[in-house]
Amino acid sequence: TCRANGEFSTPPFNMPAGGLVLNADARWRPGESPGQAYIMAELRDEQDHVIPGYERAHCLFENVDDHALPLRWGEKVGSDLAGRSLRLRFYLRDAKIYGVVARSR
């Protein structure tokens, strides 16, 4: 949970072939300015460098509350990175992240 701007990284994991889904709440709440709540995600390699095509600007969630939000970077879901050791880096504001799991096919 983060009421102001925040960020964190996951421990390393092996990217599943089917991609990932996010359980999160980044809803707009009455009395707040629209666009205040958001979650962005990027994929990073073992050296902690952003993987080209998986930058946070390509994976943005606003005004959502769902237990199975597919993580997408444009048309990419990470299947081309299956089996690689990666980290997710999240950037969020006024949002809650409950978990990330492998996407069921």
Foldseek 3Di string as FASTA:
>chain_A
DAAAKDKDKDAKDFAALQAKWWQKAQADDPPDDFPQWKKFKFKAAPVRHTDPLRDRVQFMDHRDGGHGHQGDRPPDRCNVRGGGIIMMMMITHRMDTDDMDRDDD
